[in-house]
């Protein structure tokens, strides 16, 4: 078995040397592609993520997805609005409870007892913390979206990649069968 491998290998080397010994030049035939090749910038996703980290929405502008900018600012802005609203109400109930413990009368929350003031503080504190988590989550989602969108913007989508369903006849009983073909054409 080894002898045959050596014979085939030496034979291929001899044929290769013979082609070059005759001094012939080989021409490489390349097909013309209808679509021009695009330059792929490997740093574009990192740049888009950096821009979104510095200024939310700037990565979406860099990716030319302008329609996403109002969504980014709406989500982060609404979260910050509810954070400030819940923090203001939390501080109001907290100050009312502290004033009541110090013996200072507070007419605004005089109808609530101590247990209700504590319950209101806990409610608004929890909502404040959740609003802060939502704002941070939307900020991180903004960065991830810019990065993924920049990656997908460089994805090759042309006719060389195709996916189409086919109907073909079965070789045994000649009945039509459904199938899916995934075709790759390399240049």
N, C-alpha and C. Protein backbone atom coordinates (compact mmCIF):
# COMPACT_ATOMS: atom_id res chain seq x y z
N UNK A 1 0.82 -1.19 0.00
CA UNK A 1 0.00 0.00 0.00
C UNK A 1 0.87 1.25 0.00
N UNK A 2 1.92 1.24 0.82
CA UNK A 2 2.79 2.41 0.88
C UNK A 2 3.51 2.62 -0.45
N UNK A 3 3.85 1.55 -1.09
CA UNK A 3 4.58 1.65 -2.36
C UNK A 3 3.73 2.37 -3.39
N UNK A 4 2.45 2.07 -3.43
CA UNK A 4 1.56 2.73 -4.39
C UNK A 4 1.44 4.21 -4.10
N UNK A 5 1.38 4.59 -2.84
CA UNK A 5 1.30 6.01 -2.48
C UNK A 5 2.56 6.73 -2.94
N UNK A 6 3.72 6.10 -2.74
CA UNK A 6 4.98 6.73 -3.19
C UNK A 6 5.03 6.83 -4.71
N UNK A 7 4.55 5.83 -5.41
CA UNK A 7 4.57 5.86 -6.87
C UNK A 7 3.66 6.97 -7.39
N UNK A 8 2.48 7.11 -6.83
CA UNK A 8 1.56 8.17 -7.25
C UNK A 8 2.15 9.54 -6.93
N UNK A 9 2.74 9.68 -5.76
CA UNK A 9 3.32 10.97 -5.37
C UNK A 9 4.48 11.35 -6.30
N UNK A 10 5.37 10.42 -6.59
CA UNK A 10 6.51 10.70 -7.48
C UNK A 10 6.01 10.98 -8.90
N UNK A 11 4.98 10.27 -9.32
CA UNK A 11 4.42 10.51 -10.65
C UNK A 11 3.83 11.91 -10.77
N UNK A 12 3.12 12.36 -9.75
CA UNK A 12 2.56 13.72 -9.78
C UNK A 12 3.68 14.77 -9.78
N UNK A 13 4.72 14.54 -9.04
CA UNK A 13 5.84 15.48 -9.05
C UNK A 13 6.50 15.53 -10.43
N UNK A 14 6.61 14.39 -11.08
CA UNK A 14 7.23 14.35 -12.41
C UNK A 14 6.37 15.09 -13.43
N UNK A 15 5.06 14.92 -13.35
CA UNK A 15 4.17 15.62 -14.28
C UNK A 15 4.24 17.12 -14.03
N UNK A 16 4.28 17.53 -12.75
CA UNK A 16 4.37 18.95 -12.43
C UNK A 16 5.66 19.55 -12.93
N UNK A 17 6.77 18.85 -12.74
CA UNK A 17 8.07 19.36 -13.21
C UNK A 17 8.12 19.42 -14.73
N UNK A 18 7.48 18.48 -15.40
CA UNK A 18 7.48 18.46 -16.86
C UNK A 18 6.75 19.69 -17.41
N UNK A 19 5.65 20.07 -16.76
CA UNK A 19 4.90 21.25 -17.23
C UNK A 19 5.75 22.50 -17.12
N UNK A 20 6.48 22.65 -16.04
CA UNK A 20 7.30 23.84 -15.88
C UNK A 20 8.57 23.76 -16.71
N UNK A 21 9.06 22.55 -17.00
CA UNK A 21 10.28 22.40 -17.78
C UNK A 21 10.07 22.82 -19.22
N UNK A 22 8.88 22.71 -19.74
CA UNK A 22 8.62 23.09 -21.12
C UNK A 22 8.52 24.60 -21.26
N UNK A 23 8.45 25.32 -20.18
CA UNK A 23 8.42 26.77 -20.23
C UNK A 23 7.07 27.35 -20.58
N UNK A 24 6.03 26.57 -20.48
CA UNK A 24 4.70 27.06 -20.80
C UNK A 24 4.17 27.87 -19.62
N UNK A 25 3.49 28.91 -19.94
CA UNK A 25 2.85 29.68 -18.89
C UNK A 25 1.39 29.29 -18.83
N UNK A 26 0.89 29.15 -17.64
CA UNK A 26 -0.50 28.77 -17.47
C UNK A 26 -1.32 30.03 -17.23
N UNK A 27 -2.46 30.11 -17.86
CA UNK A 27 -3.35 31.24 -17.67
C UNK A 27 -4.46 30.85 -16.70
N UNK A 28 -4.73 31.74 -15.81
CA UNK A 28 -5.82 31.52 -14.86
C UNK A 28 -7.05 32.21 -15.41
N UNK A 29 -8.09 31.45 -15.58
CA UNK A 29 -9.34 31.99 -16.10
C UNK A 29 -10.22 32.36 -14.92
N UNK A 30 -10.62 33.60 -14.87
CA UNK A 30 -11.49 34.07 -13.79
C UNK A 30 -12.79 34.57 -14.41
N UNK A 31 -13.86 34.22 -13.78
CA UNK A 31 -15.15 34.70 -14.26
C UNK A 31 -15.40 36.09 -13.70
N UNK A 32 -16.04 36.87 -14.51
CA UNK A 32 -16.39 38.23 -14.08
C UNK A 32 -17.64 38.16 -13.22
N UNK A 33 -17.58 38.75 -12.07
CA UNK A 33 -18.72 38.79 -11.18
C UNK A 33 -19.52 40.05 -11.50
N UNK A 34 -20.82 39.92 -11.47
CA UNK A 34 -21.65 41.07 -11.79
C UNK A 34 -21.68 42.07 -10.64
N UNK A 35 -21.49 41.59 -9.43
CA UNK A 35 -21.50 42.49 -8.28
C UNK A 35 -20.07 42.83 -7.89
N UNK A 36 -19.79 44.10 -7.68
CA UNK A 36 -18.42 44.45 -7.26
C UNK A 36 -18.18 44.00 -5.83
N UNK A 37 -16.95 43.63 -5.56
CA UNK A 37 -16.59 43.24 -4.20
C UNK A 37 -16.56 44.46 -3.31
N UNK A 38 -17.12 44.30 -2.12
CA UNK A 38 -17.11 45.39 -1.16
C UNK A 38 -15.97 45.18 -0.19
N UNK A 39 -15.40 46.28 0.22
CA UNK A 39 -14.36 46.21 1.24
C UNK A 39 -15.02 45.88 2.57
N UNK A 40 -14.45 44.97 3.30
CA UNK A 40 -14.96 44.62 4.63
C UNK A 40 -14.05 45.27 5.66
N UNK A 41 -14.64 46.08 6.48
CA UNK A 41 -13.90 46.76 7.54
C UNK A 41 -14.09 45.96 8.83
N UNK A 42 -13.07 45.23 9.29
CA UNK A 42 -13.26 44.41 10.48
C UNK A 42 -13.43 45.22 11.76
N UNK A 43 -13.05 46.47 11.75
CA UNK A 43 -13.18 47.30 12.95
C UNK A 43 -14.51 48.04 13.01
N UNK A 44 -15.34 47.92 12.00
CA UNK A 44 -16.62 48.65 11.98
C UNK A 44 -17.52 48.26 13.15
N UNK A 45 -17.68 46.98 13.51
CA UNK A 45 -18.53 46.66 14.66
C UNK A 45 -18.00 47.23 15.97
N UNK A 46 -16.70 47.20 16.17
CA UNK A 46 -16.14 47.76 17.40
C UNK A 46 -16.32 49.27 17.43
N UNK A 47 -16.17 49.89 16.27
CA UNK A 47 -16.33 51.35 16.19
C UNK A 47 -17.78 51.74 16.48
N UNK A 48 -18.73 50.99 15.91
CA UNK A 48 -20.15 51.28 16.15
C UNK A 48 -20.49 51.09 17.63
N UNK A 49 -19.97 50.03 18.24
CA UNK A 49 -20.23 49.80 19.67
C UNK A 49 -19.62 50.90 20.52
N UNK A 50 -18.41 51.35 20.16
CA UNK A 50 -17.77 52.43 20.91
C UNK A 50 -18.58 53.72 20.79
N UNK A 51 -19.04 54.03 19.58
CA UNK A 51 -19.84 55.24 19.39
C UNK A 51 -21.13 55.18 20.22
N UNK A 52 -21.77 54.01 20.25
CA UNK A 52 -23.00 53.88 21.03
C UNK A 52 -22.73 53.93 22.52
N UNK A 53 -21.54 53.51 22.93
CA UNK A 53 -21.22 53.57 24.36
C UNK A 53 -20.97 55.01 24.80
N UNK A 54 -20.36 55.80 23.91
CA UNK A 54 -20.06 57.19 24.26
C UNK A 54 -21.34 58.03 24.23
N UNK A 55 -22.07 57.97 23.12
CA UNK A 55 -23.33 58.69 22.97
C UNK A 55 -24.38 57.69 22.49
N UNK A 56 -25.39 57.40 23.30
CA UNK A 56 -26.40 56.43 22.85
C UNK A 56 -27.05 56.89 21.55
N UNK A 57 -27.14 55.96 20.60
CA UNK A 57 -27.73 56.24 19.31
C UNK A 57 -26.72 56.60 18.24
N UNK A 58 -25.50 56.96 18.62
CA UNK A 58 -24.50 57.35 17.64
C UNK A 58 -24.02 56.14 16.83
N UNK A 59 -24.02 54.97 17.42
CA UNK A 59 -23.66 53.76 16.69
C UNK A 59 -24.70 53.43 15.63
N UNK A 60 -25.97 53.70 15.92
CA UNK A 60 -27.02 53.48 14.93
C UNK A 60 -26.88 54.48 13.77
N UNK A 61 -26.48 55.70 14.09
CA UNK A 61 -26.24 56.70 13.04
C UNK A 61 -25.04 56.27 12.20
N UNK A 62 -23.99 55.74 12.84
CA UNK A 62 -22.81 55.24 12.12
C UNK A 62 -23.18 54.10 11.17
N UNK A 63 -24.14 53.26 11.59
CA UNK A 63 -24.59 52.15 10.74
C UNK A 63 -25.65 52.57 9.73
N UNK A 64 -26.01 53.85 9.74
CA UNK A 64 -27.02 54.41 8.85
C UNK A 64 -28.40 53.79 9.08
N UNK A 65 -28.71 53.50 10.32
CA UNK A 65 -30.03 53.03 10.73
C UNK A 65 -30.67 54.15 11.56
N UNK A 66 -31.02 55.22 10.90
CA UNK A 66 -31.48 56.43 11.57
C UNK A 66 -32.81 56.21 12.28
N UNK A 67 -33.62 55.29 11.83
CA UNK A 67 -34.94 55.09 12.43
C UNK A 67 -34.84 54.49 13.83
N UNK A 68 -33.69 53.94 14.21
CA UNK A 68 -33.54 53.35 15.53
C UNK A 68 -33.21 54.38 16.60
N UNK A 69 -32.74 55.55 16.20
CA UNK A 69 -32.32 56.57 17.17
C UNK A 69 -33.48 57.03 18.06
N UNK A 70 -34.68 57.32 17.51
CA UNK A 70 -35.78 57.69 18.42
C UNK A 70 -36.18 56.57 19.36
N UNK A 71 -36.04 55.32 18.92
CA UNK A 71 -36.36 54.21 19.81
C UNK A 71 -35.38 54.14 20.97
N UNK A 72 -34.11 54.37 20.67
CA UNK A 72 -33.08 54.34 21.73
C UNK A 72 -33.35 55.45 22.74
N UNK A 73 -33.54 56.67 22.25
CA UNK A 73 -33.77 57.78 23.17
C UNK A 73 -35.11 57.68 23.88
N UNK A 74 -36.11 57.12 23.22
CA UNK A 74 -37.41 56.94 23.87
C UNK A 74 -37.33 55.95 25.02
N UNK A 75 -36.64 54.83 24.78
CA UNK A 75 -36.54 53.79 25.82
C UNK A 75 -35.70 54.28 27.00
N UNK A 76 -34.54 54.85 26.71
CA UNK A 76 -33.68 55.32 27.81
C UNK A 76 -34.32 56.52 28.50
N UNK A 77 -34.91 57.42 27.73
CA UNK A 77 -35.55 58.61 28.31
C UNK A 77 -36.74 58.26 29.19
N UNK A 78 -37.57 57.31 28.76
CA UNK A 78 -38.73 56.91 29.57
C UNK A 78 -38.26 56.26 30.87
N UNK A 79 -37.20 55.46 30.79
CA UNK A 79 -36.69 54.83 32.01
C UNK A 79 -36.15 55.86 32.99
N UNK A 80 -35.44 56.85 32.48
CA UNK A 80 -34.90 57.90 33.35
C UNK A 80 -36.02 58.76 33.92
N UNK A 81 -37.06 59.02 33.11
CA UNK A 81 -38.21 59.79 33.60
C UNK A 81 -38.88 59.08 34.76
N UNK A 82 -39.13 57.78 34.61
CA UNK A 82 -39.78 57.05 35.69
C UNK A 82 -38.86 56.88 36.89
N UNK A 83 -37.56 56.85 36.67
CA UNK A 83 -36.63 56.81 37.80
C UNK A 83 -36.75 58.09 38.62
N UNK A 84 -36.74 59.23 37.97
CA UNK A 84 -36.84 60.50 38.71
C UNK A 84 -38.21 60.66 39.37
N UNK A 85 -39.26 60.23 38.68
CA UNK A 85 -40.61 60.33 39.25
C UNK A 85 -40.73 59.46 40.50
N UNK A 86 -40.28 58.22 40.43
CA UNK A 86 -40.36 57.34 41.59
C UNK A 86 -39.42 57.77 42.71
N UNK A 87 -38.27 58.33 42.36
CA UNK A 87 -37.35 58.82 43.38
C UNK A 87 -37.95 60.02 44.11
N UNK A 88 -38.61 60.91 43.39
CA UNK A 88 -39.25 62.07 44.02
C UNK A 88 -40.35 61.61 44.99
N UNK A 89 -41.18 60.67 44.57
CA UNK A 89 -42.24 60.19 45.44
C UNK A 89 -41.69 59.41 46.63
N UNK A 90 -40.63 58.65 46.41
CA UNK A 90 -39.99 57.92 47.51
C UNK A 90 -39.45 58.91 48.55
N UNK A 91 -38.77 59.95 48.09
CA UNK A 91 -38.23 60.95 49.02
C UNK A 91 -39.35 61.67 49.77
N UNK A 92 -40.48 61.92 49.10
CA UNK A 92 -41.60 62.61 49.76
C UNK A 92 -42.17 61.74 50.89
N UNK A 93 -42.40 60.47 50.62
CA UNK A 93 -42.94 59.60 51.66
C UNK A 93 -41.91 59.35 52.76
N UNK A 94 -40.67 59.28 52.40
CA UNK A 94 -39.62 59.08 53.41
C UNK A 94 -39.52 60.30 54.34
N UNK A 95 -39.53 61.50 53.74
CA UNK A 95 -39.47 62.72 54.57
C UNK A 95 -40.71 62.85 55.45
N UNK A 96 -41.89 62.46 54.91
CA UNK A 96 -43.11 62.52 55.73
C UNK A 96 -43.02 61.57 56.91
N UNK A 97 -42.46 60.38 56.69
CA UNK A 97 -42.32 59.41 57.77
C UNK A 97 -41.30 59.90 58.80
N UNK A 98 -40.18 60.45 58.33
CA UNK A 98 -39.18 60.97 59.25
C UNK A 98 -39.71 62.15 60.05
N UNK A 99 -40.50 63.01 59.40
CA UNK A 99 -41.11 64.14 60.12
C UNK A 99 -42.09 63.65 61.18
N UNK A 100 -42.85 62.61 60.85
CA UNK A 100 -43.81 62.09 61.81
C UNK A 100 -43.09 61.50 63.03
N UNK A 101 -41.96 60.81 62.77
CA UNK A 101 -41.20 60.26 63.89
C UNK A 101 -40.57 61.36 64.74
N UNK A 102 -40.22 62.50 64.12
CA UNK A 102 -39.61 63.61 64.85
C UNK A 102 -40.67 64.47 65.52
N UNK A 103 -41.94 64.23 65.24
CA UNK A 103 -43.01 64.99 65.87
C UNK A 103 -43.39 66.24 65.09
N UNK A 104 -42.92 66.40 63.88
CA UNK A 104 -43.27 67.55 63.04
C UNK A 104 -44.54 67.20 62.27
N UNK A 105 -45.59 68.02 62.36
CA UNK A 105 -46.84 67.68 61.65
C UNK A 105 -46.69 67.89 60.14
N UNK A 106 -47.25 66.96 59.36
CA UNK A 106 -47.24 67.03 57.89
C UNK A 106 -48.68 66.85 57.44
N UNK A 107 -49.27 67.92 56.90
CA UNK A 107 -50.69 67.89 56.53
C UNK A 107 -50.94 67.12 55.23
N UNK A 108 -49.93 67.02 54.39
CA UNK A 108 -50.13 66.35 53.09
C UNK A 108 -50.41 64.86 53.26
N UNK A 109 -49.71 64.22 54.19
CA UNK A 109 -49.88 62.78 54.39
C UNK A 109 -50.42 62.47 55.78
N UNK A 110 -51.21 63.36 56.33
CA UNK A 110 -51.75 63.17 57.67
C UNK A 110 -52.77 62.03 57.71
N UNK A 111 -53.40 61.73 56.59
CA UNK A 111 -54.42 60.68 56.55
C UNK A 111 -53.81 59.27 56.54
N UNK A 112 -52.49 59.15 56.36
CA UNK A 112 -51.83 57.84 56.34
C UNK A 112 -51.20 57.53 57.69
N UNK A 113 -51.28 56.26 58.08
CA UNK A 113 -50.60 55.86 59.31
C UNK A 113 -49.16 55.45 58.98
N UNK A 114 -48.39 55.11 60.02
CA UNK A 114 -46.97 54.80 59.83
C UNK A 114 -46.76 53.59 58.91
N UNK A 115 -47.60 52.57 59.05
CA UNK A 115 -47.44 51.37 58.22
C UNK A 115 -47.65 51.70 56.73
N UNK A 116 -48.60 52.56 56.43
CA UNK A 116 -48.85 52.95 55.02
C UNK A 116 -47.71 53.80 54.48
N UNK A 117 -47.12 54.64 55.31
CA UNK A 117 -45.98 55.43 54.85
C UNK A 117 -44.78 54.54 54.54
N UNK A 118 -44.56 53.54 55.38
CA UNK A 118 -43.45 52.60 55.12
C UNK A 118 -43.72 51.79 53.86
N UNK A 119 -44.96 51.37 53.69
CA UNK A 119 -45.33 50.59 52.51
C UNK A 119 -45.17 51.43 51.23
N UNK A 120 -45.55 52.70 51.29
CA UNK A 120 -45.39 53.58 50.12
C UNK A 120 -43.91 53.80 49.82
N UNK A 121 -43.09 53.94 50.84
CA UNK A 121 -41.64 54.09 50.63
C UNK A 121 -41.07 52.86 49.91
N UNK A 122 -41.44 51.68 50.38
CA UNK A 122 -40.93 50.45 49.78
C UNK A 122 -41.40 50.30 48.33
N UNK A 123 -42.66 50.67 48.07
CA UNK A 123 -43.21 50.57 46.71
C UNK A 123 -42.44 51.47 45.74
N UNK A 124 -42.25 52.73 46.10
CA UNK A 124 -41.58 53.67 45.20
C UNK A 124 -40.07 53.40 45.12
N UNK A 125 -39.49 52.88 46.19
CA UNK A 125 -38.08 52.52 46.14
C UNK A 125 -37.86 51.35 45.17
N UNK A 126 -38.75 50.37 45.22
CA UNK A 126 -38.65 49.22 44.31
C UNK A 126 -38.84 49.67 42.86
N UNK A 127 -39.83 50.50 42.60
CA UNK A 127 -40.06 51.00 41.24
C UNK A 127 -38.91 51.87 40.75
N UNK A 128 -38.31 52.64 41.64
CA UNK A 128 -37.15 53.45 41.28
C UNK A 128 -35.99 52.56 40.85
N UNK A 129 -35.73 51.52 41.64
CA UNK A 129 -34.63 50.61 41.32
C UNK A 129 -34.89 49.85 40.01
N UNK A 130 -36.13 49.43 39.78
CA UNK A 130 -36.46 48.77 38.52
C UNK A 130 -36.30 49.70 37.32
N UNK A 131 -36.65 50.96 37.49
CA UNK A 131 -36.49 51.93 36.41
C UNK A 131 -35.02 52.15 36.09
N UNK A 132 -34.18 52.16 37.12
CA UNK A 132 -32.74 52.29 36.88
C UNK A 132 -32.19 51.08 36.15
N UNK A 133 -32.64 49.88 36.53
CA UNK A 133 -32.22 48.66 35.83
C UNK A 133 -32.67 48.67 34.37
N UNK A 134 -33.87 49.16 34.12
CA UNK A 134 -34.36 49.26 32.73
C UNK A 134 -33.52 50.24 31.93
N UNK A 135 -33.17 51.37 32.51
CA UNK A 135 -32.34 52.35 31.80
C UNK A 135 -30.97 51.76 31.47
N UNK A 136 -30.36 51.06 32.42
CA UNK A 136 -29.07 50.43 32.16
C UNK A 136 -29.22 49.33 31.11
N UNK A 137 -30.29 48.56 31.19
CA UNK A 137 -30.54 47.50 30.21
C UNK A 137 -30.72 48.05 28.81
N UNK A 138 -31.47 49.14 28.66
CA UNK A 138 -31.65 49.74 27.33
C UNK A 138 -30.35 50.34 26.81
N UNK A 139 -29.53 50.87 27.69
CA UNK A 139 -28.23 51.41 27.29
C UNK A 139 -27.33 50.29 26.75
N UNK A 140 -27.29 49.17 27.47
CA UNK A 140 -26.48 48.03 27.02
C UNK A 140 -27.06 47.44 25.73
N UNK A 141 -28.38 47.37 25.64
CA UNK A 141 -29.02 46.87 24.43
C UNK A 141 -28.71 47.76 23.23
N UNK A 142 -28.60 49.06 23.45
CA UNK A 142 -28.22 50.00 22.40
C UNK A 142 -26.82 49.67 21.87
N UNK A 143 -25.89 49.37 22.76
CA UNK A 143 -24.52 49.04 22.35
C UNK A 143 -24.49 47.71 21.60
N UNK A 144 -25.21 46.72 22.11
CA UNK A 144 -25.24 45.41 21.45
C UNK A 144 -25.89 45.52 20.07
N UNK A 145 -26.95 46.30 19.97
CA UNK A 145 -27.63 46.47 18.67
C UNK A 145 -26.71 47.10 17.65
N UNK A 146 -25.96 48.11 18.04
CA UNK A 146 -25.04 48.75 17.11
C UNK A 146 -23.95 47.78 16.65
N UNK A 147 -23.44 46.98 17.57
CA UNK A 147 -22.40 46.02 17.23
C UNK A 147 -22.92 44.94 16.28
N UNK A 148 -24.05 44.35 16.60
CA UNK A 148 -24.61 43.28 15.77
C UNK A 148 -25.03 43.82 14.41
N UNK A 149 -25.59 45.01 14.37
CA UNK A 149 -26.01 45.59 13.10
C UNK A 149 -24.81 45.87 12.21
N UNK A 150 -23.70 46.30 12.79
CA UNK A 150 -22.49 46.52 12.00
C UNK A 150 -21.93 45.20 11.48
N UNK A 151 -22.02 44.14 12.28
CA UNK A 151 -21.58 42.82 11.82
C UNK A 151 -22.45 42.35 10.66
N UNK A 152 -23.77 42.46 10.81
CA UNK A 152 -24.67 41.98 9.76
C UNK A 152 -24.64 42.85 8.52
N UNK A 153 -24.22 44.10 8.66
CA UNK A 153 -24.10 44.97 7.49
C UNK A 153 -23.00 44.52 6.55
N UNK A 154 -22.05 43.76 7.05
CA UNK A 154 -20.95 43.26 6.23
C UNK A 154 -21.23 41.87 5.69
N UNK A 155 -22.37 41.32 5.99
CA UNK A 155 -22.70 39.97 5.55
C UNK A 155 -22.96 39.97 4.06
N UNK A 156 -22.40 39.00 3.37
CA UNK A 156 -22.52 38.91 1.92
C UNK A 156 -23.88 38.34 1.55
N UNK A 157 -24.71 39.16 0.93
CA UNK A 157 -26.01 38.72 0.46
C UNK A 157 -26.06 39.00 -1.03
N UNK A 158 -25.83 37.97 -1.83
CA UNK A 158 -25.94 38.11 -3.28
C UNK A 158 -26.41 36.79 -3.86
N UNK A 159 -26.38 36.67 -5.18
CA UNK A 159 -26.90 35.49 -5.84
C UNK A 159 -26.01 34.27 -5.69
N UNK A 160 -24.80 34.43 -5.21
CA UNK A 160 -23.93 33.28 -5.03
C UNK A 160 -24.39 32.40 -3.87
N UNK A 161 -25.18 32.95 -2.98
CA UNK A 161 -25.78 32.18 -1.91
C UNK A 161 -27.28 32.10 -2.18
N UNK A 162 -27.83 30.91 -2.28
CA UNK A 162 -29.25 30.80 -2.57
C UNK A 162 -29.86 29.67 -1.74
N UNK A 163 -31.13 29.81 -1.50
CA UNK A 163 -31.89 28.84 -0.73
C UNK A 163 -33.26 28.77 -1.38
N UNK A 164 -33.60 27.63 -1.99
CA UNK A 164 -34.88 27.56 -2.68
C UNK A 164 -35.48 26.16 -2.51
N UNK A 165 -36.79 26.09 -2.39
CA UNK A 165 -37.44 24.79 -2.32
C UNK A 165 -37.54 24.18 -3.72
N UNK A 166 -37.49 22.86 -3.80
CA UNK A 166 -37.57 22.17 -5.07
C UNK A 166 -38.55 21.01 -4.97
N UNK A 167 -39.17 20.67 -6.11
CA UNK A 167 -40.00 19.48 -6.21
C UNK A 167 -39.30 18.56 -7.20
N UNK A 168 -39.04 17.35 -6.78
CA UNK A 168 -38.35 16.40 -7.65
C UNK A 168 -39.06 15.05 -7.54
N UNK A 169 -38.82 14.21 -8.52
CA UNK A 169 -39.49 12.90 -8.51
C UNK A 169 -38.60 11.88 -7.83
N UNK A 170 -39.24 11.02 -7.09
CA UNK A 170 -38.55 9.96 -6.38
C UNK A 170 -38.09 8.90 -7.38
N UNK A 171 -36.88 8.38 -7.26
CA UNK A 171 -36.34 7.40 -8.19
C UNK A 171 -36.95 6.03 -8.06
N UNK A 172 -37.58 5.73 -6.95
CA UNK A 172 -38.14 4.39 -6.75
C UNK A 172 -39.56 4.26 -7.29
N UNK A 173 -40.43 5.18 -6.91
CA UNK A 173 -41.82 5.07 -7.33
C UNK A 173 -42.28 6.25 -8.20
N UNK A 174 -41.40 7.14 -8.54
CA UNK A 174 -41.65 8.28 -9.44
C UNK A 174 -42.78 9.18 -8.94
N UNK A 175 -42.94 9.29 -7.64
CA UNK A 175 -43.90 10.23 -7.06
C UNK A 175 -43.15 11.52 -6.75
N UNK A 176 -43.83 12.65 -6.88
CA UNK A 176 -43.15 13.91 -6.57
C UNK A 176 -42.88 14.03 -5.08
N UNK A 177 -41.73 14.53 -4.76
CA UNK A 177 -41.32 14.73 -3.37
C UNK A 177 -40.87 16.18 -3.19
N UNK A 178 -41.06 16.66 -2.00
CA UNK A 178 -40.61 18.01 -1.69
C UNK A 178 -39.21 17.95 -1.11
N UNK A 179 -38.44 18.97 -1.37
CA UNK A 179 -37.10 19.03 -0.81
C UNK A 179 -36.63 20.46 -0.76
N UNK A 180 -35.53 20.67 -0.10
CA UNK A 180 -34.93 21.99 0.01
C UNK A 180 -33.49 21.87 -0.44
N UNK A 181 -33.10 22.79 -1.29
CA UNK A 181 -31.71 22.78 -1.78
C UNK A 181 -30.99 24.01 -1.25
N UNK A 182 -29.80 23.81 -0.79
CA UNK A 182 -28.95 24.89 -0.32
C UNK A 182 -27.74 24.90 -1.24
N UNK A 183 -27.62 25.94 -2.04
CA UNK A 183 -26.58 26.01 -3.06
C UNK A 183 -25.52 27.02 -2.70
N UNK A 184 -24.27 26.63 -2.84
CA UNK A 184 -23.14 27.52 -2.66
C UNK A 184 -22.39 27.58 -3.99
N UNK A 185 -22.11 28.77 -4.45
CA UNK A 185 -21.27 28.92 -5.64
C UNK A 185 -20.05 29.72 -5.23
N UNK A 186 -18.90 29.14 -5.39
CA UNK A 186 -17.66 29.81 -5.05
C UNK A 186 -17.05 30.40 -6.31
N UNK A 187 -16.41 31.52 -6.15
CA UNK A 187 -15.81 32.20 -7.31
C UNK A 187 -14.63 31.45 -7.83
